[in-house]
């Protein structure tokens, strides 16, 4: 499973994808950073929604149901935009 991380994880190898650093990036590197930011943006918006709704603290059900609810939030947010 791929994981997209921010620049703090620079140097991590393997499945962790990080953006390129520097001022003079090649076109391919700039495109990679742009795509990377779009993917991270969706995940960060979903997490912000979860934190704002206080959902994990207020749900009183099993962990399987919580996981299902949490998985649907990014899909709903993406569909509504």
PDB file of N, CA and C in Angstrom:
ATOM      1  N   UNK A   1       0.852  -1.173   0.000  1.00  0.00           N
ATOM      2  CA  UNK A   1       0.000   0.000   0.000  1.00  0.00           C
ATOM      3  C   UNK A   1       0.899   1.237   0.000  1.00  0.00           C
ATOM      4  N   UNK A   2       0.632   2.156  -0.903  1.00  0.00           N
ATOM      5  CA  UNK A   2       1.424   3.384  -0.971  1.00  0.00           C
ATOM      6  C   UNK A   2       0.972   4.357   0.115  1.00  0.00           C
ATOM      7  N   UNK A   3       1.895   5.158   0.560  1.00  0.00           N
ATOM      8  CA  UNK A   3       1.607   6.143   1.592  1.00  0.00           C
ATOM      9  C   UNK A   3       2.197   7.475   1.147  1.00  0.00           C
ATOM     10  N   UNK A   4       1.395   8.527   1.147  1.00  0.00           N
ATOM     11  CA  UNK A   4       1.871   9.850   0.764  1.00  0.00           C
ATOM     12  C   UNK A   4       2.138  10.651   2.029  1.00  0.00           C
ATOM     13  N   UNK A   5       3.360  11.122   2.164  1.00  0.00           N
ATOM     14  CA  UNK A   5       3.755  11.862   3.361  1.00  0.00           C
ATOM     15  C   UNK A   5       4.236  13.255   2.957  1.00  0.00           C
ATOM     16  N   UNK A   6       4.397  14.123   3.946  1.00  0.00           N
ATOM     17  CA  UNK A   6       4.883  15.466   3.648  1.00  0.00           C
ATOM     18  C   UNK A   6       6.410  15.485   3.662  1.00  0.00           C
ATOM     19  N   UNK A   7       6.978  16.674   3.517  1.00  0.00           N
ATOM     20  CA  UNK A   7       8.433  16.801   3.391  1.00  0.00           C
ATOM     21  C   UNK A   7       9.186  16.419   4.664  1.00  0.00           C
ATOM     22  N   UNK A   8       8.492  16.298   5.784  1.00  0.00           N
ATOM     23  CA  UNK A   8       9.159  15.916   7.025  1.00  0.00           C
ATOM     24  C   UNK A   8       9.716  14.498   6.953  1.00  0.00           C
ATOM     25  N   UNK A   9       9.171  13.681   6.078  1.00  0.00           N
ATOM     26  CA  UNK A   9       9.616  12.290   5.945  1.00  0.00           C
ATOM     27  C   UNK A   9      10.644  12.131   4.830  1.00  0.00           C
ATOM     28  N   UNK A  10      11.314  13.209   4.470  1.00  0.00           N
ATOM     29  CA  UNK A  10      12.328  13.169   3.417  1.00  0.00           C
ATOM     30  C   UNK A  10      13.389  12.119   3.765  1.00  0.00           C
ATOM     31  N   UNK A  11      13.703  11.281   2.805  1.00  0.00           N
ATOM     32  CA  UNK A  11      14.693  10.242   3.021  1.00  0.00           C
ATOM     33  C   UNK A  11      14.089   8.892   3.319  1.00  0.00           C
ATOM     34  N   UNK A  12      12.780   8.858   3.545  1.00  0.00           N
ATOM     35  CA  UNK A  12      12.118   7.568   3.781  1.00  0.00           C
ATOM     36  C   UNK A  12      12.059   6.816   2.454  1.00  0.00           C
ATOM     37  N   UNK A  13      12.400   5.560   2.496  1.00  0.00           N
ATOM     38  CA  UNK A  13      12.425   4.760   1.277  1.00  0.00           C
ATOM     39  C   UNK A  13      11.245   3.808   1.235  1.00  0.00           C
ATOM     40  N   UNK A  14      11.094   3.188   0.097  1.00  0.00           N
ATOM     41  CA  UNK A  14      10.078   2.156  -0.039  1.00  0.00           C
ATOM     42  C   UNK A  14       8.757   2.708  -0.501  1.00  0.00           C
ATOM     43  N   UNK A  15       7.706   2.383   0.231  1.00  0.00           N
ATOM     44  CA  UNK A  15       6.361   2.724  -0.204  1.00  0.00           C
ATOM     45  C   UNK A  15       5.928   4.131   0.192  1.00  0.00           C
ATOM     46  N   UNK A  16       6.727   4.827   0.961  1.00  0.00           N
ATOM     47  CA  UNK A  16       6.368   6.182   1.386  1.00  0.00           C
ATOM     48  C   UNK A  16       6.769   7.156   0.284  1.00  0.00           C
ATOM     49  N   UNK A  17       5.786   7.880  -0.248  1.00  0.00           N
ATOM     50  CA  UNK A  17       6.022   8.856  -1.316  1.00  0.00           C
ATOM     51  C   UNK A  17       6.119  10.246  -0.703  1.00  0.00           C
ATOM     52  N   UNK A  18       7.191  10.950  -0.985  1.00  0.00           N
ATOM     53  CA  UNK A  18       7.383  12.307  -0.471  1.00  0.00           C
ATOM     54  C   UNK A  18       7.630  13.246  -1.646  1.00  0.00           C
ATOM     55  N   UNK A  19       7.314  14.532  -1.483  1.00  0.00           N
ATOM     56  CA  UNK A  19       7.567  15.485  -2.563  1.00  0.00           C
ATOM     57  C   UNK A  19       9.060  15.798  -2.680  1.00  0.00           C
ATOM     58  N   UNK A  20       9.429  16.317  -3.833  1.00  0.00           N
ATOM     59  CA  UNK A  20      10.811  16.737  -4.048  1.00  0.00           C
ATOM     60  C   UNK A  20      11.032  18.085  -3.379  1.00  0.00           C
ATOM     61  N   UNK A  21      12.244  18.318  -2.913  1.00  0.00           N
ATOM     62  CA  UNK A  21      12.604  19.589  -2.289  1.00  0.00           C
ATOM     63  C   UNK A  21      13.512  20.361  -3.217  1.00  0.00           C
ATOM     64  N   UNK A  22      13.555  21.656  -3.003  1.00  0.00           N
ATOM     65  CA  UNK A  22      14.471  22.495  -3.758  1.00  0.00           C
ATOM     66  C   UNK A  22      13.753  23.567  -4.545  1.00  0.00           C
ATOM     67  N   UNK A  23      14.529  24.512  -5.039  1.00  0.00           N
ATOM     68  CA  UNK A  23      13.976  25.627  -5.792  1.00  0.00           C
ATOM     69  C   UNK A  23      13.965  25.374  -7.292  1.00  0.00           C
ATOM     70  N   UNK A  24      14.980  24.721  -7.794  1.00  0.00           N
ATOM     71  CA  UNK A  24      15.088  24.504  -9.237  1.00  0.00           C
ATOM     72  C   UNK A  24      14.780  23.050  -9.563  1.00  0.00           C
ATOM     73  N   UNK A  25      13.493  22.771  -9.636  1.00  0.00           N
ATOM     74  CA  UNK A  25      13.056  21.412  -9.914  1.00  0.00           C
ATOM     75  C   UNK A  25      12.783  21.247 -11.403  1.00  0.00           C
ATOM     76  N   UNK A  26      13.016  20.047 -11.883  1.00  0.00           N
ATOM     77  CA  UNK A  26      12.711  19.741 -13.275  1.00  0.00           C
ATOM     78  C   UNK A  26      11.202  19.627 -13.427  1.00  0.00           C
ATOM     79  N   UNK A  27      10.734  19.665 -14.667  1.00  0.00           N
ATOM     80  CA  UNK A  27       9.304  19.624 -14.946  1.00  0.00           C
ATOM     81  C   UNK A  27       8.659  18.361 -14.367  1.00  0.00           C
ATOM     82  N   UNK A  28       9.320  17.228 -14.510  1.00  0.00           N
ATOM     83  CA  UNK A  28       8.796  15.976 -13.990  1.00  0.00           C
ATOM     84  C   UNK A  28       8.641  16.038 -12.471  1.00  0.00           C
ATOM     85  N   UNK A  29       9.599  16.662 -11.791  1.00  0.00           N
ATOM     86  CA  UNK A  29       9.542  16.784 -10.335  1.00  0.00           C
ATOM     87  C   UNK A  29       8.434  17.736  -9.897  1.00  0.00           C
ATOM     88  N   UNK A  30       8.243  18.823 -10.650  1.00  0.00           N
ATOM     89  CA  UNK A  30       7.158  19.760 -10.322  1.00  0.00           C
ATOM     90  C   UNK A  30       5.797  19.093 -10.506  1.00  0.00           C
ATOM     91  N   UNK A  31       5.656  18.289 -11.576  1.00  0.00           N
ATOM     92  CA  UNK A  31       4.412  17.565 -11.794  1.00  0.00           C
ATOM     93  C   UNK A  31       4.158  16.564 -10.664  1.00  0.00           C
ATOM     94  N   UNK A  32       5.212  15.891 -10.252  1.00  0.00           N
ATOM     95  CA  UNK A  32       5.094  14.945  -9.139  1.00  0.00           C
ATOM     96  C   UNK A  32       4.614  15.669  -7.875  1.00  0.00           C
ATOM     97  N   UNK A  33       5.188  16.826  -7.580  1.00  0.00           N
ATOM     98  CA  UNK A  33       4.790  17.588  -6.388  1.00  0.00           C
ATOM     99  C   UNK A  33       3.340  18.039  -6.477  1.00  0.00           C
ATOM    100  N   UNK A  34       2.906  18.433  -7.668  1.00  0.00           N
ATOM    101  CA  UNK A  34       1.536  18.888  -7.851  1.00  0.00           C
ATOM    102  C   UNK A  34       0.548  17.744  -7.635  1.00  0.00           C
ATOM    103  N   UNK A  35       0.829  16.599  -8.223  1.00  0.00           N
ATOM    104  CA  UNK A  35      -0.027  15.431  -8.041  1.00  0.00           C
ATOM    105  C   UNK A  35      -0.024  14.982  -6.580  1.00  0.00           C
ATOM    106  N   UNK A  36       1.125  15.015  -5.984  1.00  0.00           N
ATOM    107  CA  UNK A  36       1.277  14.633  -4.573  1.00  0.00           C
ATOM    108  C   UNK A  36       0.412  15.525  -3.687  1.00  0.00           C
ATOM    109  N   UNK A  37       0.423  16.827  -3.941  1.00  0.00           N
ATOM    110  CA  UNK A  37      -0.362  17.769  -3.135  1.00  0.00           C
ATOM    111  C   UNK A  37      -1.861  17.523  -3.305  1.00  0.00           C
ATOM    112  N   UNK A  38      -2.306  17.212  -4.534  1.00  0.00           N
ATOM    113  CA  UNK A  38      -3.727  16.948  -4.757  1.00  0.00           C
ATOM    114  C   UNK A  38      -4.188  15.712  -3.997  1.00  0.00           C
ATOM    115  N   UNK A  39      -3.376  14.669  -3.992  1.00  0.00           N
ATOM    116  CA  UNK A  39      -3.739  13.443  -3.290  1.00  0.00           C
ATOM    117  C   UNK A  39      -3.778  13.690  -1.786  1.00  0.00           C
ATOM    118  N   UNK A  40      -2.777  14.363  -1.245  1.00  0.00           N
ATOM    119  CA  UNK A  40      -2.738  14.641   0.193  1.00  0.00           C
ATOM    120  C   UNK A  40      -3.878  15.558   0.611  1.00  0.00           C
ATOM    121  N   UNK A  41      -4.271  16.462  -0.262  1.00  0.00           N
ATOM    122  CA  UNK A  41      -5.329  17.415   0.052  1.00  0.00           C
ATOM    123  C   UNK A  41      -6.629  16.693   0.399  1.00  0.00           C
ATOM    124  N   UNK A  42      -6.977  15.664  -0.359  1.00  0.00           N
ATOM    125  CA  UNK A  42      -8.215  14.930  -0.095  1.00  0.00           C
ATOM    126  C   UNK A  42      -8.185  14.274   1.276  1.00  0.00           C
ATOM    127  N   UNK A  43      -7.078  13.658   1.600  1.00  0.00           N
ATOM    128  CA  UNK A  43      -6.960  13.006   2.904  1.00  0.00           C
ATOM    129  C   UNK A  43      -6.975  13.987   4.053  1.00  0.00           C
ATOM    130  N   UNK A  44      -6.315  15.109   3.881  1.00  0.00           N
ATOM    131  CA  UNK A  44      -6.271  16.105   4.953  1.00  0.00           C
ATOM    132  C   UNK A  44      -7.627  16.760   5.162  1.00  0.00           C
ATOM    133  N   UNK A  45      -8.391  16.966   4.086  1.00  0.00           N
ATOM    134  CA  UNK A  45      -9.726  17.526   4.238  1.00  0.00           C
ATOM    135  C   UNK A  45     -10.639  16.570   4.987  1.00  0.00           C
ATOM    136  N   UNK A  46     -10.523  15.287   4.679  1.00  0.00           N
ATOM    137  CA  UNK A  46     -11.352  14.295   5.369  1.00  0.00           C
ATOM    138  C   UNK A  46     -10.996  14.232   6.858  1.00  0.00           C
ATOM    139  N   UNK A  47      -9.714  14.292   7.175  1.00  0.00           N
ATOM    140  CA  UNK A  47      -9.314  14.267   8.585  1.00  0.00           C
ATOM    141  C   UNK A  47      -9.774  15.523   9.314  1.00  0.00           C
ATOM    142  N   UNK A  48      -9.731  16.662   8.650  1.00  0.00           N
ATOM    143  CA  UNK A  48     -10.215  17.897   9.261  1.00  0.00           C
ATOM    144  C   UNK A  48     -11.718  17.807   9.537  1.00  0.00           C
ATOM    145  N   UNK A  49     -12.456  17.196   8.617  1.00  0.00           N
ATOM    146  CA  UNK A  49     -13.897  17.015   8.831  1.00  0.00           C
ATOM    147  C   UNK A  49     -14.147  16.120  10.032  1.00  0.00           C
ATOM    148  N   UNK A  50     -13.378  15.050  10.137  1.00  0.00           N
ATOM    149  CA  UNK A  50     -13.530  14.157  11.289  1.00  0.00           C
ATOM    150  C   UNK A  50     -13.251  14.879  12.595  1.00  0.00           C
ATOM    151  N   UNK A  51     -12.198  15.670  12.626  1.00  0.00           N
ATOM    152  CA  UNK A  51     -11.853  16.398  13.846  1.00  0.00           C
ATOM    153  C   UNK A  51     -12.911  17.439  14.181  1.00  0.00           C
ATOM    154  N   UNK A  52     -13.439  18.098  13.157  1.00  0.00           N
ATOM    155  CA  UNK A  52     -14.460  19.112  13.380  1.00  0.00           C
ATOM    156  C   UNK A  52     -15.778  18.522  13.855  1.00  0.00           C
ATOM    157  N   UNK A  53     -16.101  17.343  13.382  1.00  0.00           N
ATOM    158  CA  UNK A  53     -17.355  16.704  13.760  1.00  0.00           C
ATOM    159  C   UNK A  53     -17.247  15.972  15.091  1.00  0.00           C
ATOM    160  N   UNK A  54     -16.047  15.798  15.600  1.00  0.00           N
ATOM    161  CA  UNK A  54     -15.799  15.069  16.844  1.00  0.00           C
ATOM    162  C   UNK A  54     -16.359  13.652  16.770  1.00  0.00           C
ATOM    163  N   UNK A  55     -16.389  13.129  15.586  1.00  0.00           N
ATOM    164  CA  UNK A  55     -17.000  11.836  15.340  1.00  0.00           C
ATOM    165  C   UNK A  55     -16.376  10.693  16.146  1.00  0.00           C
ATOM    166  N   UNK A  56     -15.072  10.523  16.129  1.00  0.00           N
ATOM    167  CA  UNK A  56     -14.523   9.357  16.847  1.00  0.00           C
ATOM    168  C   UNK A  56     -14.791   9.376  18.350  1.00  0.00           C
ATOM    169  N   UNK A  57     -14.932  10.545  18.945  1.00  0.00           N
ATOM    170  CA  UNK A  57     -15.162  10.615  20.392  1.00  0.00           C
ATOM    171  C   UNK A  57     -16.607  10.359  20.767  1.00  0.00           C
ATOM    172  N   UNK A  58     -17.534  10.647  19.847  1.00  0.00           N
ATOM    173  CA  UNK A  58     -18.944  10.575  20.200  1.00  0.00           C
ATOM    174  C   UNK A  58     -19.648   9.312  19.733  1.00  0.00           C
ATOM    175  N   UNK A  59     -19.026   8.533  18.872  1.00  0.00           N
ATOM    176  CA  UNK A  59     -19.667   7.302  18.412  1.00  0.00           C
ATOM    177  C   UNK A  59     -19.637   6.248  19.504  1.00  0.00           C
ATOM    178  N   UNK A  60     -20.749   5.576  19.676  1.00  0.00           N
ATOM    179  CA  UNK A  60     -20.832   4.519  20.674  1.00  0.00           C
ATOM    180  C   UNK A  60     -21.241   3.222  19.983  1.00  0.00           C
ATOM    181  N   UNK A  61     -20.351   2.709  19.167  1.00  0.00           N
ATOM    182  CA  UNK A  61     -20.634   1.458  18.477  1.00  0.00           C
ATOM    183  C   UNK A  61     -19.323   0.703  18.287  1.00  0.00           C
ATOM    184  N   UNK A  62     -19.404  -0.431  17.650  1.00  0.00           N
ATOM    185  CA  UNK A  62     -18.228  -1.268  17.450  1.00  0.00           C
ATOM    186  C   UNK A  62     -17.224  -0.645  16.490  1.00  0.00           C
ATOM    187  N   UNK A  63     -16.008  -1.130  16.571  1.00  0.00           N
ATOM    188  CA  UNK A  63     -14.939  -0.560  15.744  1.00  0.00           C
ATOM    189  C   UNK A  63     -15.159  -0.802  14.259  1.00  0.00           C
ATOM    190  N   UNK A  64     -15.814  -1.889  13.892  1.00  0.00           N
ATOM    191  CA  UNK A  64     -16.083  -2.135  12.472  1.00  0.00           C
ATOM    192  C   UNK A  64     -17.018  -1.089  11.900  1.00  0.00           C
ATOM    193  N   UNK A  65     -18.019  -0.714  12.663  1.00  0.00           N
ATOM    194  CA  UNK A  65     -18.958   0.299  12.186  1.00  0.00           C
ATOM    195  C   UNK A  65     -18.293   1.679  12.131  1.00  0.00           C
ATOM    196  N   UNK A  66     -17.453   1.988  13.108  1.00  0.00           N
ATOM    197  CA  UNK A  66     -16.716   3.258  13.100  1.00  0.00           C
ATOM    198  C   UNK A  66     -15.830   3.327  11.863  1.00  0.00           C
ATOM    199  N   UNK A  67     -15.136   2.232  11.556  1.00  0.00           N
ATOM    200  CA  UNK A  67     -14.261   2.199  10.384  1.00  0.00           C
ATOM    201  C   UNK A  67     -15.061   2.431   9.107  1.00  0.00           C
ATOM    202  N   UNK A  68     -16.240   1.853   9.017  1.00  0.00           N
ATOM    203  CA  UNK A  68     -17.078   2.035   7.830  1.00  0.00           C
ATOM    204  C   UNK A  68     -17.516   3.493   7.689  1.00  0.00           C
ATOM    205  N   UNK A  69     -17.881   4.111   8.796  1.00  0.00           N
ATOM    206  CA  UNK A  69     -18.289   5.520   8.761  1.00  0.00           C
ATOM    207  C   UNK A  69     -17.118   6.409   8.359  1.00  0.00           C
ATOM    208  N   UNK A  70     -15.960   6.148   8.939  1.00  0.00           N
ATOM    209  CA  UNK A  70     -14.778   6.962   8.645  1.00  0.00           C
ATOM    210  C   UNK A  70     -14.371   6.825   7.187  1.00  0.00           C
ATOM    211  N   UNK A  71     -14.509   5.647   6.607  1.00  0.00           N
ATOM    212  CA  UNK A  71     -14.153   5.435   5.205  1.00  0.00           C
ATOM    213  C   UNK A  71     -15.084   6.172   4.251  1.00  0.00           C
ATOM    214  N   UNK A  72     -16.334   6.364   4.646  1.00  0.00           N
ATOM    215  CA  UNK A  72     -17.283   7.017   3.751  1.00  0.00           C
ATOM    216  C   UNK A  72     -17.130   8.534   3.718  1.00  0.00           C
ATOM    217  N   UNK A  73     -16.547   9.114   4.737  1.00  0.00           N
ATOM    218  CA  UNK A  73     -16.441  10.572   4.800  1.00  0.00           C
ATOM    219  C   UNK A  73     -15.646  11.148   3.634  1.00  0.00           C
ATOM    220  N   UNK A  74     -14.451  10.634   3.292  1.00  0.00           N
ATOM    221  CA  UNK A  74     -13.748  11.196   2.125  1.00  0.00           C
ATOM    222  C   UNK A  74     -14.545  11.053   0.838  1.00  0.00           C
ATOM    223  N   UNK A  75     -15.260   9.929   0.685  1.00  0.00           N
ATOM    224  CA  UNK A  75     -16.059   9.733  -0.526  1.00  0.00           C
ATOM    225  C   UNK A  75     -17.191  10.764  -0.603  1.00  0.00           C
ATOM    226  N   UNK A  76     -17.850  11.010   0.504  1.00  0.00           N
ATOM    227  CA  UNK A  76     -18.920  12.007   0.524  1.00  0.00           C
ATOM    228  C   UNK A  76     -18.408  13.410   0.277  1.00  0.00           C
ATOM    229  N   UNK A  77     -17.276  13.741   0.895  1.00  0.00           N
ATOM    230  CA  UNK A  77     -16.711  15.076   0.689  1.00  0.00           C
ATOM    231  C   UNK A  77     -16.262  15.263  -0.754  1.00  0.00           C
ATOM    232  N   UNK A  78     -15.695  14.220  -1.351  1.00  0.00           N
ATOM    233  CA  UNK A  78     -15.233  14.316  -2.727  1.00  0.00           C
ATOM    234  C   UNK A  78     -16.423  14.413  -3.689  1.00  0.00           C
ATOM    235  N   UNK A  79     -17.506  13.693  -3.402  1.00  0.00           N
ATOM    236  CA  UNK A  79     -18.675  13.718  -4.260  1.00  0.00           C
ATOM    237  C   UNK A  79     -19.412  15.060  -4.170  1.00  0.00           C
ATOM    238  N   UNK A  80     -19.334  15.723  -3.024  1.00  0.00           N
ATOM    239  CA  UNK A  80     -20.070  16.975  -2.856  1.00  0.00           C
ATOM    240  C   UNK A  80     -19.360  18.173  -3.469  1.00  0.00           C
ATOM    241  N   UNK A  81     -18.090  18.029  -3.837  1.00  0.00           N
ATOM    242  CA  UNK A  81     -17.369  19.163  -4.444  1.00  0.00           C
ATOM    243  C   UNK A  81     -17.381  19.116  -5.930  1.00  0.00           C
TER     244      UNK A  81
END
